Amino acid sequence: MLILNSGGFNEKLFSFCKENILKNYATINSCIIPTAAKTPKLKRDSEVGTREYLSNKNIKNSNLFDFEYSDTIYLLYQYNFIIINGGNPFNLLYYVKKKKAENILLEIGNTNKIIVGISAGALLFTSGVHYIEEWYDLMGFPKSHGNVIGLKDLSGLIYKDLILFPHYDSFLKQNKNLEDELKMIEVRDKVSIHRLTDDKSIYFEEGKMIEI
């Protein structure tokens, strides 16, 4: 199962993950992926924050997997709870593609194991990566937040044909014109953009989008 999330774990999301994993497995084997973070310090902060959260939930042994440095991508098969943290979506997609890990992630996402993609980790699985720099411009983000790694193939893993805009509620507070600007993109390109707020997560069951 693949869960797309915007603002990180909350009680409702964690309880949903735990319940569904323990339906099928005796224990939870978790893995934290901080690849989207742009610097070693940010990666460390990403890992430590998630590890502490899981530890407080009695999941004591969470392993680290970084697509930038780890070549043995088949090791991902041993985990039933994979958390792909946020950061720069271009960095994340670049290293996933470089390690040719697309099919492994999609395969795991289609089992009863759980992948939670948070922010950039959610965007990884969508069909709207090519919109991200335009959205950054709408938000006034500096170019250093964008595709500085030089990713040329902007096609996401496309678990579902979905254009996802995370952090919608937070970004709307920063840009009061955001909704009008997103509507203009939708009309211009004849697309639908799913606004995901920081308190919500979504997954798919029998082709239907379900909100957590």
N, C-alpha and C. Protein backbone atom coordinates (compact mmCIF):
# COMPACT_ATOMS: atom_id res chain seq x y z
N MET A 1 0.84 -1.19 0.00
CA MET A 1 0.00 0.00 0.00
C MET A 1 0.88 1.25 0.00
N LEU A 2 0.50 2.19 -0.81
CA LEU A 2 1.20 3.47 -0.86
C LEU A 2 0.31 4.55 -0.26
N ILE A 3 0.86 5.30 0.68
CA ILE A 3 0.14 6.41 1.31
C ILE A 3 0.88 7.70 0.99
N LEU A 4 0.15 8.67 0.48
CA LEU A 4 0.73 9.97 0.15
C LEU A 4 0.34 10.97 1.23
N ASN A 5 1.34 11.62 1.78
CA ASN A 5 1.14 12.47 2.95
C ASN A 5 1.83 13.81 2.72
N SER A 6 1.35 14.82 3.40
CA SER A 6 1.92 16.15 3.21
C SER A 6 2.70 16.64 4.42
N GLY A 7 2.12 16.54 5.60
CA GLY A 7 2.70 17.20 6.77
C GLY A 7 3.40 16.30 7.76
N GLY A 8 3.57 15.02 7.45
CA GLY A 8 4.21 14.12 8.39
C GLY A 8 3.19 13.36 9.23
N PHE A 9 3.71 12.51 10.11
CA PHE A 9 2.84 11.62 10.87
C PHE A 9 1.98 12.37 11.89
N ASN A 10 0.75 11.90 12.02
CA ASN A 10 -0.10 12.26 13.13
C ASN A 10 -0.68 10.95 13.69
N GLU A 11 -1.43 11.05 14.75
CA GLU A 11 -1.92 9.84 15.42
C GLU A 11 -2.79 8.99 14.50
N LYS A 12 -3.64 9.65 13.73
CA LYS A 12 -4.55 8.92 12.87
C LYS A 12 -3.79 8.14 11.80
N LEU A 13 -2.81 8.78 11.18
CA LEU A 13 -2.03 8.12 10.14
C LEU A 13 -1.21 6.98 10.72
N PHE A 14 -0.54 7.20 11.85
CA PHE A 14 0.28 6.14 12.43
C PHE A 14 -0.58 4.94 12.83
N SER A 15 -1.70 5.20 13.46
CA SER A 15 -2.59 4.09 13.88
C SER A 15 -3.06 3.29 12.68
N PHE A 16 -3.37 3.98 11.58
CA PHE A 16 -3.80 3.30 10.36
C PHE A 16 -2.69 2.40 9.84
N CYS A 17 -1.46 2.91 9.80
CA CYS A 17 -0.33 2.12 9.31
C CYS A 17 -0.08 0.90 10.19
N LYS A 18 -0.03 1.12 11.49
CA LYS A 18 0.25 0.03 12.43
C LYS A 18 -0.80 -1.07 12.32
N GLU A 19 -2.05 -0.67 12.30
CA GLU A 19 -3.13 -1.66 12.24
C GLU A 19 -3.04 -2.49 10.97
N ASN A 20 -2.76 -1.85 9.84
CA ASN A 20 -2.73 -2.58 8.57
C ASN A 20 -1.50 -3.46 8.44
N ILE A 21 -0.37 -3.04 8.98
CA ILE A 21 0.82 -3.88 8.92
C ILE A 21 0.65 -5.12 9.80
N LEU A 22 0.14 -4.92 11.01
CA LEU A 22 0.03 -6.05 11.95
C LEU A 22 -1.10 -7.01 11.59
N LYS A 23 -1.93 -6.65 10.62
CA LYS A 23 -2.89 -7.62 10.09
C LYS A 23 -2.19 -8.75 9.35
N ASN A 24 -1.03 -8.42 8.79
CA ASN A 24 -0.35 -9.34 7.88
C ASN A 24 1.03 -9.80 8.36
N TYR A 25 1.60 -9.10 9.34
CA TYR A 25 2.95 -9.42 9.79
C TYR A 25 3.01 -9.43 11.32
N ALA A 26 3.89 -10.27 11.85
CA ALA A 26 4.01 -10.39 13.31
C ALA A 26 4.67 -9.16 13.93
N THR A 27 5.60 -8.57 13.20
CA THR A 27 6.31 -7.40 13.71
C THR A 27 6.42 -6.34 12.61
N ILE A 28 6.76 -5.13 13.03
CA ILE A 28 6.94 -4.03 12.09
C ILE A 28 8.44 -3.84 11.86
N ASN A 29 8.86 -3.97 10.61
CA ASN A 29 10.25 -3.73 10.22
C ASN A 29 10.29 -2.45 9.40
N SER A 30 10.84 -1.40 9.98
CA SER A 30 10.72 -0.09 9.35
C SER A 30 12.05 0.40 8.79
N CYS A 31 11.90 1.28 7.82
CA CYS A 31 13.04 1.85 7.11
C CYS A 31 12.74 3.32 6.83
N ILE A 32 13.73 4.17 7.09
CA ILE A 32 13.60 5.61 6.87
C ILE A 32 14.48 6.01 5.70
N ILE A 33 13.90 6.71 4.73
CA ILE A 33 14.64 7.16 3.55
C ILE A 33 14.71 8.68 3.55
N PRO A 34 15.90 9.27 3.81
CA PRO A 34 16.02 10.73 3.90
C PRO A 34 16.60 11.38 2.64
N THR A 35 16.62 10.65 1.52
CA THR A 35 17.36 11.07 0.33
C THR A 35 16.97 12.47 -0.16
N ALA A 36 15.71 12.88 0.04
CA ALA A 36 15.27 14.17 -0.47
C ALA A 36 15.95 15.35 0.22
N ALA A 37 16.42 15.16 1.44
CA ALA A 37 17.10 16.25 2.15
C ALA A 37 18.39 16.62 1.41
N LYS A 38 18.66 17.92 1.33
CA LYS A 38 19.70 18.40 0.43
C LYS A 38 21.12 18.32 1.00
N THR A 39 21.25 18.29 2.30
CA THR A 39 22.58 18.29 2.91
C THR A 39 22.68 17.16 3.93
N PRO A 40 23.91 16.74 4.26
CA PRO A 40 24.06 15.69 5.29
C PRO A 40 23.39 16.05 6.60
N LYS A 41 23.47 17.32 7.01
CA LYS A 41 22.82 17.72 8.26
C LYS A 41 21.31 17.57 8.18
N LEU A 42 20.72 18.02 7.07
CA LEU A 42 19.28 17.89 6.92
C LEU A 42 18.86 16.43 6.84
N LYS A 43 19.69 15.60 6.22
CA LYS A 43 19.39 14.16 6.19
C LYS A 43 19.41 13.58 7.60
N ARG A 44 20.42 13.99 8.37
CA ARG A 44 20.52 13.50 9.74
C ARG A 44 19.32 13.95 10.57
N ASP A 45 18.92 15.23 10.41
CA ASP A 45 17.76 15.74 11.14
C ASP A 45 16.50 14.98 10.74
N SER A 46 16.36 14.71 9.44
CA SER A 46 15.20 13.97 8.93
C SER A 46 15.15 12.58 9.53
N GLU A 47 16.29 11.91 9.54
CA GLU A 47 16.35 10.55 10.08
C GLU A 47 16.05 10.54 11.57
N VAL A 48 16.72 11.43 12.32
CA VAL A 48 16.59 11.42 13.78
C VAL A 48 15.16 11.74 14.20
N GLY A 49 14.54 12.73 13.55
CA GLY A 49 13.18 13.10 13.91
C GLY A 49 12.21 11.95 13.71
N THR A 50 12.32 11.26 12.59
CA THR A 50 11.42 10.13 12.31
C THR A 50 11.73 8.96 13.23
N ARG A 51 13.01 8.70 13.45
CA ARG A 51 13.39 7.59 14.32
C ARG A 51 12.87 7.81 15.75
N GLU A 52 12.96 9.04 16.24
CA GLU A 52 12.47 9.34 17.59
C GLU A 52 10.95 9.17 17.66
N TYR A 53 10.26 9.61 16.62
CA TYR A 53 8.80 9.45 16.60
C TYR A 53 8.44 7.97 16.66
N LEU A 54 9.08 7.16 15.83
CA LEU A 54 8.77 5.73 15.82
C LEU A 54 9.15 5.06 17.14
N SER A 55 10.27 5.49 17.70
CA SER A 55 10.70 4.92 18.98
C SER A 55 9.67 5.20 20.07
N ASN A 56 9.11 6.40 20.04
CA ASN A 56 8.07 6.75 21.02
C ASN A 56 6.80 5.92 20.81
N LYS A 57 6.68 5.33 19.64
CA LYS A 57 5.55 4.46 19.34
C LYS A 57 5.93 2.98 19.49
N ASN A 58 7.05 2.73 20.17
CA ASN A 58 7.53 1.37 20.45
C ASN A 58 8.02 0.62 19.21
N ILE A 59 8.42 1.37 18.19
CA ILE A 59 9.11 0.77 17.04
C ILE A 59 10.57 1.16 17.20
N LYS A 60 11.35 0.27 17.77
CA LYS A 60 12.68 0.64 18.26
C LYS A 60 13.78 0.48 17.22
N ASN A 61 13.60 -0.40 16.26
CA ASN A 61 14.70 -0.69 15.33
C ASN A 61 14.33 -0.25 13.92
N SER A 62 14.54 1.03 13.65
CA SER A 62 14.29 1.57 12.31
C SER A 62 15.62 1.74 11.59
N ASN A 63 15.72 1.14 10.43
CA ASN A 63 16.96 1.24 9.66
C ASN A 63 16.93 2.42 8.71
N LEU A 64 18.11 2.81 8.26
CA LEU A 64 18.27 3.93 7.35
C LEU A 64 18.62 3.40 5.97
N PHE A 65 17.97 3.97 4.95
CA PHE A 65 18.32 3.64 3.57
C PHE A 65 18.35 4.94 2.77
N ASP A 66 19.48 5.22 2.14
CA ASP A 66 19.63 6.46 1.37
C ASP A 66 19.98 6.09 -0.07
N PHE A 67 19.10 6.44 -1.00
CA PHE A 67 19.35 6.11 -2.40
C PHE A 67 20.63 6.75 -2.95
N GLU A 68 21.05 7.84 -2.33
CA GLU A 68 22.28 8.49 -2.80
C GLU A 68 23.50 7.63 -2.56
N TYR A 69 23.51 6.87 -1.46
CA TYR A 69 24.71 6.14 -1.07
C TYR A 69 24.53 4.63 -1.06
N SER A 70 23.30 4.15 -1.06
CA SER A 70 23.05 2.71 -0.95
C SER A 70 22.84 2.10 -2.33
N ASP A 71 23.61 1.09 -2.65
CA ASP A 71 23.50 0.44 -3.95
C ASP A 71 22.66 -0.84 -3.90
N THR A 72 22.51 -1.41 -2.73
CA THR A 72 21.80 -2.70 -2.60
C THR A 72 20.31 -2.44 -2.42
N ILE A 73 19.66 -1.99 -3.49
CA ILE A 73 18.28 -1.57 -3.37
C ILE A 73 17.33 -2.73 -3.08
N TYR A 74 17.76 -3.95 -3.38
CA TYR A 74 16.90 -5.11 -3.10
C TYR A 74 16.66 -5.28 -1.60
N LEU A 75 17.50 -4.63 -0.76
CA LEU A 75 17.30 -4.71 0.69
C LEU A 75 15.96 -4.12 1.11
N LEU A 76 15.39 -3.27 0.26
CA LEU A 76 14.11 -2.67 0.60
C LEU A 76 13.01 -3.72 0.75
N TYR A 77 13.18 -4.86 0.12
CA TYR A 77 12.17 -5.91 0.21
C TYR A 77 11.98 -6.44 1.63
N GLN A 78 12.98 -6.27 2.49
CA GLN A 78 12.87 -6.85 3.84
C GLN A 78 12.00 -6.02 4.77
N TYR A 79 11.62 -4.82 4.34
CA TYR A 79 10.84 -3.93 5.22
C TYR A 79 9.36 -3.97 4.87
N ASN A 80 8.53 -3.87 5.91
CA ASN A 80 7.09 -3.77 5.66
C ASN A 80 6.55 -2.38 5.98
N PHE A 81 7.43 -1.48 6.38
CA PHE A 81 7.03 -0.10 6.69
C PHE A 81 8.16 0.82 6.23
N ILE A 82 7.97 1.46 5.08
CA ILE A 82 9.00 2.31 4.48
C ILE A 82 8.51 3.75 4.49
N ILE A 83 9.32 4.63 5.05
CA ILE A 83 8.95 6.05 5.16
C ILE A 83 9.92 6.86 4.32
N ILE A 84 9.40 7.52 3.29
CA ILE A 84 10.22 8.36 2.43
C ILE A 84 9.97 9.81 2.81
N ASN A 85 10.95 10.41 3.45
CA ASN A 85 10.78 11.75 4.00
C ASN A 85 10.86 12.83 2.94
N GLY A 86 10.49 14.04 3.36
CA GLY A 86 10.43 15.18 2.46
C GLY A 86 11.77 15.86 2.25
N GLY A 87 11.73 16.93 1.47
CA GLY A 87 12.92 17.69 1.11
C GLY A 87 12.80 18.17 -0.32
N ASN A 88 13.84 17.97 -1.09
CA ASN A 88 13.85 18.39 -2.49
C ASN A 88 13.40 17.21 -3.38
N PRO A 89 12.25 17.33 -4.03
CA PRO A 89 11.75 16.19 -4.82
C PRO A 89 12.63 15.87 -6.02
N PHE A 90 13.35 16.85 -6.53
CA PHE A 90 14.23 16.60 -7.67
C PHE A 90 15.42 15.74 -7.26
N ASN A 91 15.98 16.02 -6.08
CA ASN A 91 17.07 15.19 -5.57
C ASN A 91 16.63 13.75 -5.40
N LEU A 92 15.46 13.59 -4.80
CA LEU A 92 14.94 12.25 -4.52
C LEU A 92 14.72 11.48 -5.82
N LEU A 93 14.02 12.09 -6.77
CA LEU A 93 13.73 11.41 -8.03
C LEU A 93 15.01 11.11 -8.80
N TYR A 94 15.97 12.01 -8.74
CA TYR A 94 17.25 11.81 -9.43
C TYR A 94 17.93 10.54 -8.95
N TYR A 95 18.03 10.36 -7.63
CA TYR A 95 18.76 9.20 -7.10
C TYR A 95 17.95 7.92 -7.20
N VAL A 96 16.64 8.00 -7.12
CA VAL A 96 15.82 6.81 -7.35
C VAL A 96 16.00 6.30 -8.77
N LYS A 97 16.01 7.22 -9.73
CA LYS A 97 16.21 6.83 -11.12
C LYS A 97 17.65 6.36 -11.36
N LYS A 98 18.61 7.02 -10.73
CA LYS A 98 20.01 6.64 -10.91
C LYS A 98 20.25 5.21 -10.44
N LYS A 99 19.59 4.82 -9.35
CA LYS A 99 19.76 3.47 -8.82
C LYS A 99 18.76 2.48 -9.42
N LYS A 100 17.96 2.97 -10.37
CA LYS A 100 16.96 2.12 -11.05
C LYS A 100 16.05 1.42 -10.05
N ALA A 101 15.56 2.20 -9.11
CA ALA A 101 14.74 1.64 -8.03
C ALA A 101 13.25 1.83 -8.25
N GLU A 102 12.86 2.38 -9.40
CA GLU A 102 11.46 2.69 -9.64
C GLU A 102 10.57 1.46 -9.50
N ASN A 103 10.93 0.38 -10.16
CA ASN A 103 10.08 -0.81 -10.16
C ASN A 103 9.98 -1.46 -8.79
N ILE A 104 11.08 -1.43 -8.03
CA ILE A 104 11.05 -2.01 -6.69
C ILE A 104 10.07 -1.25 -5.82
N LEU A 105 10.12 0.08 -5.86
CA LEU A 105 9.21 0.88 -5.04
C LEU A 105 7.76 0.67 -5.45
N LEU A 106 7.51 0.64 -6.74
CA LEU A 106 6.14 0.41 -7.21
C LEU A 106 5.65 -0.98 -6.83
N GLU A 107 6.54 -1.96 -6.93
CA GLU A 107 6.16 -3.33 -6.57
C GLU A 107 5.79 -3.42 -5.10
N ILE A 108 6.62 -2.82 -4.23
CA ILE A 108 6.33 -2.85 -2.80
C ILE A 108 5.03 -2.10 -2.51
N GLY A 109 4.84 -0.97 -3.21
CA GLY A 109 3.62 -0.18 -3.01
C GLY A 109 2.36 -0.91 -3.40
N ASN A 110 2.48 -1.95 -4.18
CA ASN A 110 1.32 -2.74 -4.59
C ASN A 110 1.14 -4.01 -3.78
N THR A 111 1.84 -4.12 -2.65
CA THR A 111 1.68 -5.26 -1.75
C THR A 111 0.96 -4.80 -0.48
N ASN A 112 0.86 -5.69 0.51
CA ASN A 112 0.26 -5.30 1.78
C ASN A 112 1.28 -4.67 2.74
N LYS A 113 2.50 -4.46 2.26
CA LYS A 113 3.44 -3.62 2.99
C LYS A 113 3.03 -2.17 2.79
N ILE A 114 3.60 -1.26 3.60
CA ILE A 114 3.20 0.14 3.51
C ILE A 114 4.41 1.03 3.21
N ILE A 115 4.24 1.86 2.20
CA ILE A 115 5.16 2.97 1.95
C ILE A 115 4.42 4.26 2.26
N VAL A 116 5.01 5.10 3.10
CA VAL A 116 4.46 6.44 3.33
C VAL A 116 5.40 7.44 2.68
N GLY A 117 4.90 8.15 1.67
CA GLY A 117 5.67 9.21 1.04
C GLY A 117 5.23 10.54 1.60
N ILE A 118 6.16 11.25 2.21
CA ILE A 118 5.85 12.52 2.87
C ILE A 118 6.36 13.67 2.01
N SER A 119 5.46 14.54 1.58
CA SER A 119 5.80 15.73 0.80
C SER A 119 6.57 15.35 -0.47
N ALA A 120 7.88 15.59 -0.53
CA ALA A 120 8.66 15.17 -1.70
C ALA A 120 8.54 13.67 -1.91
N GLY A 121 8.44 12.92 -0.83
CA GLY A 121 8.27 11.47 -0.93
C GLY A 121 6.94 11.08 -1.55
N ALA A 122 5.94 11.94 -1.38
CA ALA A 122 4.65 11.71 -2.04
C ALA A 122 4.71 12.10 -3.51
N LEU A 123 5.33 13.25 -3.79
CA LEU A 123 5.43 13.74 -5.17
C LEU A 123 6.16 12.74 -6.06
N LEU A 124 7.07 11.98 -5.48
CA LEU A 124 7.83 10.98 -6.23
C LEU A 124 6.93 10.05 -7.03
N PHE A 125 5.76 9.73 -6.48
CA PHE A 125 4.89 8.71 -7.07
C PHE A 125 3.81 9.29 -7.98
N THR A 126 3.87 10.59 -8.26
CA THR A 126 2.80 11.24 -9.00
C THR A 126 3.23 11.57 -10.43
N SER A 127 2.28 12.12 -11.18
CA SER A 127 2.55 12.51 -12.56
C SER A 127 2.73 14.01 -12.72
N GLY A 128 2.94 14.73 -11.61
CA GLY A 128 3.01 16.18 -11.69
C GLY A 128 4.33 16.80 -11.32
N VAL A 129 5.41 16.02 -11.37
CA VAL A 129 6.72 16.56 -10.97
C VAL A 129 7.13 17.75 -11.84
N HIS A 130 6.73 17.74 -13.11
CA HIS A 130 7.11 18.82 -14.02
C HIS A 130 6.47 20.15 -13.65
N TYR A 131 5.49 20.15 -12.74
CA TYR A 131 4.88 21.41 -12.30
C TYR A 131 5.59 22.04 -11.11
N ILE A 132 6.47 21.31 -10.47
CA ILE A 132 6.97 21.75 -9.17
C ILE A 132 7.71 23.08 -9.25
N GLU A 133 8.56 23.27 -10.24
CA GLU A 133 9.29 24.54 -10.31
C GLU A 133 8.34 25.71 -10.59
N GLU A 134 7.29 25.49 -11.36
CA GLU A 134 6.29 26.53 -11.57
C GLU A 134 5.61 26.88 -10.26
N TRP A 135 5.31 25.84 -9.47
CA TRP A 135 4.70 26.09 -8.17
C TRP A 135 5.67 26.83 -7.24
N TYR A 136 6.94 26.49 -7.30
CA TYR A 136 7.93 27.20 -6.48
C TYR A 136 7.95 28.67 -6.85
N ASP A 137 7.82 28.97 -8.13
CA ASP A 137 7.78 30.37 -8.57
C ASP A 137 6.55 31.08 -7.99
N LEU A 138 5.41 30.39 -7.97
CA LEU A 138 4.20 30.96 -7.39
C LEU A 138 4.41 31.31 -5.91
N MET A 139 5.20 30.47 -5.24
CA MET A 139 5.43 30.66 -3.80
C MET A 139 6.61 31.60 -3.52
N GLY A 140 7.33 31.99 -4.57
CA GLY A 140 8.48 32.87 -4.36
C GLY A 140 9.68 32.18 -3.76
N PHE A 141 9.78 30.87 -3.92
CA PHE A 141 10.91 30.15 -3.37
C PHE A 141 12.16 30.44 -4.20
N PRO A 142 13.33 30.45 -3.58
CA PRO A 142 14.57 30.69 -4.32
C PRO A 142 14.90 29.53 -5.26
N LYS A 143 15.69 29.82 -6.27
CA LYS A 143 16.08 28.78 -7.25
C LYS A 143 16.82 27.63 -6.58
N SER A 144 17.47 27.90 -5.46
CA SER A 144 18.21 26.85 -4.76
C SER A 144 17.29 25.76 -4.23
N HIS A 145 15.98 26.02 -4.18
CA HIS A 145 15.02 25.00 -3.75
C HIS A 145 14.62 24.08 -4.89
N GLY A 146 14.98 24.45 -6.11
CA GLY A 146 14.47 23.76 -7.28
C GLY A 146 15.37 22.66 -7.81
N ASN A 147 15.40 22.55 -9.12
CA ASN A 147 16.08 21.44 -9.79
C ASN A 147 17.56 21.74 -10.00
N VAL A 148 18.25 22.02 -8.91
CA VAL A 148 19.68 22.35 -9.01
C VAL A 148 20.52 21.12 -9.33
N ILE A 149 19.98 19.95 -9.11
CA ILE A 149 20.73 18.73 -9.40
C ILE A 149 20.74 18.43 -10.90
N GLY A 150 19.90 19.12 -11.66
CA GLY A 150 19.90 18.96 -13.11
C GLY A 150 19.17 17.74 -13.61
N LEU A 151 18.10 17.35 -12.90
CA LEU A 151 17.30 16.20 -13.35
C LEU A 151 16.63 16.53 -14.67
N LYS A 152 16.85 15.68 -15.67
CA LYS A 152 16.29 15.93 -16.99
C LYS A 152 14.96 15.19 -17.22
N ASP A 153 14.85 13.99 -16.70
CA ASP A 153 13.61 13.21 -16.86
C ASP A 153 12.72 13.50 -15.66
N LEU A 154 11.70 14.34 -15.88
CA LEU A 154 10.84 14.76 -14.79
C LEU A 154 9.60 13.88 -14.63
N SER A 155 9.57 12.76 -15.28
CA SER A 155 8.44 11.85 -15.11
C SER A 155 8.58 11.13 -13.77
N GLY A 156 7.55 11.27 -12.92
CA GLY A 156 7.57 10.58 -11.64
C GLY A 156 7.33 9.10 -11.82
N LEU A 157 7.21 8.38 -10.71
CA LEU A 157 7.00 6.93 -10.79
C LEU A 157 5.57 6.60 -11.21
N ILE A 158 4.67 7.57 -11.04
CA ILE A 158 3.28 7.48 -11.50
C ILE A 158 2.61 6.19 -11.00
N TYR A 159 2.61 6.03 -9.69
CA TYR A 159 1.79 4.98 -9.08
C TYR A 159 0.33 5.18 -9.49
N LYS A 160 -0.08 6.44 -9.50
CA LYS A 160 -1.38 6.83 -10.03
C LYS A 160 -1.18 8.10 -10.86
N ASP A 161 -2.02 8.26 -11.89
CA ASP A 161 -1.96 9.47 -12.70
C ASP A 161 -2.59 10.60 -11.89
N LEU A 162 -1.76 11.21 -11.07
CA LEU A 162 -2.25 12.19 -10.09
C LEU A 162 -1.28 13.36 -10.03
N ILE A 163 -1.83 14.57 -10.13
CA ILE A 163 -1.04 15.78 -9.92
C ILE A 163 -1.34 16.24 -8.51
N LEU A 164 -0.33 16.23 -7.67
CA LEU A 164 -0.51 16.46 -6.23
C LEU A 164 0.17 17.75 -5.81
N PHE A 165 -0.55 18.57 -5.09
CA PHE A 165 0.02 19.80 -4.52
C PHE A 165 0.00 19.66 -3.00
N PRO A 166 1.15 19.34 -2.39
CA PRO A 166 1.19 19.16 -0.92
C PRO A 166 1.27 20.50 -0.19
N HIS A 167 1.00 20.47 1.10
CA HIS A 167 1.10 21.64 1.97
C HIS A 167 0.15 22.76 1.54
N TYR A 168 -0.98 22.37 0.95
CA TYR A 168 -1.86 23.39 0.38
C TYR A 168 -2.30 24.43 1.41
N ASP A 169 -2.71 23.98 2.60
CA ASP A 169 -3.20 24.92 3.61
C ASP A 169 -2.09 25.84 4.10
N SER A 170 -0.89 25.29 4.30
CA SER A 170 0.24 26.13 4.75
C SER A 170 0.64 27.14 3.70
N PHE A 171 0.70 26.69 2.44
CA PHE A 171 1.13 27.58 1.37
C PHE A 171 0.08 28.64 1.05
N LEU A 172 -1.20 28.31 1.27
CA LEU A 172 -2.26 29.28 1.04
C LEU A 172 -2.15 30.45 2.01
N LYS A 173 -1.66 30.19 3.21
CA LYS A 173 -1.45 31.27 4.17
C LYS A 173 -0.32 32.20 3.72
N GLN A 174 0.65 31.64 2.98
CA GLN A 174 1.77 32.45 2.50
C GLN A 174 1.44 33.20 1.21
N ASN A 175 0.55 32.63 0.41
CA ASN A 175 0.19 33.23 -0.87
C ASN A 175 -1.33 33.20 -1.00
N LYS A 176 -1.96 34.33 -0.75
CA LYS A 176 -3.43 34.41 -0.74
C LYS A 176 -4.02 34.19 -2.14
N ASN A 177 -3.20 34.35 -3.17
CA ASN A 177 -3.69 34.15 -4.54
C ASN A 177 -3.47 32.73 -5.05
N LEU A 178 -2.98 31.85 -4.18
CA LEU A 178 -2.57 30.51 -4.62
C LEU A 178 -3.71 29.75 -5.29
N GLU A 179 -4.89 29.75 -4.70
CA GLU A 179 -5.99 28.99 -5.27
C GLU A 179 -6.33 29.48 -6.68
N ASP A 180 -6.38 30.77 -6.86
CA ASP A 180 -6.67 31.31 -8.20
C ASP A 180 -5.58 30.92 -9.19
N GLU A 181 -4.34 30.91 -8.74
CA GLU A 181 -3.23 30.57 -9.64
C GLU A 181 -3.24 29.09 -10.00
N LEU A 182 -3.61 28.24 -9.05
CA LEU A 182 -3.72 26.81 -9.36
C LEU A 182 -4.89 26.56 -10.33
N LYS A 183 -5.97 27.27 -10.14
CA LYS A 183 -7.11 27.12 -11.06
C LYS A 183 -6.73 27.54 -12.48
N MET A 184 -5.90 28.59 -12.59
CA MET A 184 -5.46 29.04 -13.91
C MET A 184 -4.64 27.95 -14.60
N ILE A 185 -3.80 27.25 -13.84
CA ILE A 185 -3.00 26.15 -14.40
C ILE A 185 -3.93 25.03 -14.84
N GLU A 186 -4.92 24.72 -14.02
CA GLU A 186 -5.86 23.65 -14.37
C GLU A 186 -6.61 23.96 -15.67
N VAL A 187 -7.05 25.20 -15.82
CA VAL A 187 -7.76 25.59 -17.04
C VAL A 187 -6.81 25.59 -18.22
N ARG A 188 -5.63 26.15 -18.02
CA ARG A 188 -4.64 26.25 -19.11
C ARG A 188 -4.27 24.88 -19.66
N ASP A 189 -4.02 23.91 -18.76
CA ASP A 189 -3.51 22.60 -19.18
C ASP A 189 -4.58 21.51 -19.19
N LYS A 190 -5.81 21.90 -18.84
CA LYS A 190 -6.92 20.92 -18.80
C LYS A 190 -6.57 19.74 -17.88
N VAL A 191 -6.15 20.06 -16.67
CA VAL A 191 -5.77 19.05 -15.69
C VAL A 191 -6.51 19.33 -14.39
N SER A 192 -6.42 18.37 -13.49
CA SER A 192 -6.95 18.52 -12.14
C SER A 192 -5.80 18.37 -11.15
N ILE A 193 -5.68 19.32 -10.24
CA ILE A 193 -4.61 19.30 -9.23
C ILE A 193 -5.24 18.97 -7.88
N HIS A 194 -4.77 17.91 -7.25
CA HIS A 194 -5.30 17.53 -5.94
C HIS A 194 -4.56 18.31 -4.86
N ARG A 195 -5.31 19.12 -4.11
CA ARG A 195 -4.73 19.89 -3.01
C ARG A 195 -4.69 19.02 -1.76
N LEU A 196 -3.50 18.78 -1.24
CA LEU A 196 -3.34 17.94 -0.04
C LEU A 196 -2.91 18.81 1.12
N THR A 197 -3.73 18.88 2.16
CA THR A 197 -3.40 19.69 3.33
C THR A 197 -2.50 18.90 4.29
N ASP A 198 -1.91 19.62 5.22
CA ASP A 198 -0.90 19.00 6.08
C ASP A 198 -1.47 18.02 7.09
N ASP A 199 -2.77 18.05 7.29
CA ASP A 199 -3.37 17.13 8.26
C ASP A 199 -3.98 15.89 7.61
N LYS A 200 -3.82 15.76 6.29
CA LYS A 200 -4.46 14.66 5.57
C LYS A 200 -3.44 13.77 4.86
N SER A 201 -3.86 12.55 4.61
CA SER A 201 -3.10 11.60 3.79
C SER A 201 -4.11 10.92 2.88
N ILE A 202 -3.63 10.36 1.77
CA ILE A 202 -4.51 9.64 0.86
C ILE A 202 -3.87 8.31 0.47
N TYR A 203 -4.72 7.33 0.17
CA TYR A 203 -4.26 6.08 -0.42
C TYR A 203 -5.33 5.61 -1.40
N PHE A 204 -5.01 4.56 -2.12
CA PHE A 204 -5.93 4.07 -3.15
C PHE A 204 -6.32 2.63 -2.86
N GLU A 205 -7.60 2.36 -3.01
CA GLU A 205 -8.12 1.01 -2.81
C GLU A 205 -9.16 0.72 -3.89
N GLU A 206 -8.90 -0.33 -4.66
CA GLU A 206 -9.77 -0.70 -5.78
C GLU A 206 -10.02 0.49 -6.70
N GLY A 207 -8.95 1.24 -6.94
CA GLY A 207 -9.00 2.36 -7.87
C GLY A 207 -9.57 3.64 -7.30
N LYS A 208 -10.05 3.62 -6.07
CA LYS A 208 -10.65 4.80 -5.46
C LYS A 208 -9.67 5.47 -4.50
N MET A 209 -9.65 6.81 -4.52
CA MET A 209 -8.83 7.57 -3.59
C MET A 209 -9.55 7.66 -2.25
N ILE A 210 -8.86 7.31 -1.17
CA ILE A 210 -9.45 7.33 0.16
C ILE A 210 -8.60 8.23 1.05
N GLU A 211 -9.25 9.06 1.82
CA GLU A 211 -8.57 10.03 2.69
C GLU A 211 -8.45 9.48 4.10
N ILE A 212 -7.28 9.71 4.70
CA ILE A 212 -7.06 9.34 6.09
C ILE A 212 -7.11 10.62 6.93
